[in-house]
């Protein structure tokens, strides 16, 4: 079922990473990025792939 559209303007933030064998700091950085996005008024969600 279709969902109601949100009013413009639309904003998208895309963060990409190249992961290596040594993952030092990755978890902490990921958690901090999610905190920052959630503080922006009107976020609709956070999606990760990989």
Protein backbone atom coordinates (compact mmCIF):
# COMPACT_ATOMS: atom_id res chain seq x y z
CA UNK A 1 0.00 0.00 0.00
CA UNK A 2 1.44 3.44 -0.89
CA UNK A 3 2.43 5.79 1.92
CA UNK A 4 1.71 9.50 2.06
CA UNK A 5 4.48 11.63 0.57
CA UNK A 6 6.38 14.11 2.71
CA UNK A 7 6.52 17.78 1.80
CA UNK A 8 9.73 19.01 0.11
CA UNK A 9 12.49 19.91 0.56
CA UNK A 10 13.96 16.41 0.75
CA UNK A 11 17.40 15.75 2.17
CA UNK A 12 19.51 12.64 1.93
CA UNK A 13 22.79 11.95 3.67
CA UNK A 14 24.88 9.09 2.31
CA UNK A 15 27.97 7.89 4.08
CA UNK A 16 30.22 5.27 2.52
CA UNK A 17 33.15 3.42 3.96
CA UNK A 18 35.79 1.04 2.69
CA UNK A 19 36.18 -1.59 5.33
CA UNK A 20 39.47 -3.36 5.86
CA UNK A 21 40.62 -6.32 7.94
CA UNK A 22 41.57 -3.96 10.77
CA UNK A 23 38.25 -2.45 11.94
CA UNK A 24 39.66 -0.12 14.60
CA UNK A 25 37.10 2.54 15.50
CA UNK A 26 34.49 1.45 12.97
CA UNK A 27 31.80 0.57 15.54
CA UNK A 28 32.27 3.79 17.47
CA UNK A 29 32.17 5.90 14.31
CA UNK A 30 29.05 4.11 13.07
CA UNK A 31 27.27 4.67 16.39
CA UNK A 32 28.23 8.37 16.43
CA UNK A 33 27.00 8.91 12.86
CA UNK A 34 23.62 7.41 13.81
CA UNK A 35 23.43 9.73 16.85
CA UNK A 36 24.11 12.77 14.68
CA UNK A 37 21.50 11.80 12.09
CA UNK A 38 18.85 11.16 14.73
CA UNK A 39 19.34 14.70 16.11
CA UNK A 40 18.36 16.26 12.75
CA UNK A 41 14.68 17.26 12.78
CA UNK A 42 12.51 14.92 10.77
CA UNK A 43 14.75 11.92 10.05
CA UNK A 44 12.82 9.04 8.52
CA UNK A 45 15.29 6.29 9.22
CA UNK A 46 18.78 4.91 8.99
CA UNK A 47 19.61 2.10 6.61
CA UNK A 48 22.81 0.12 6.45
CA UNK A 49 23.94 -2.41 3.88
CA UNK A 50 26.74 -4.84 3.87
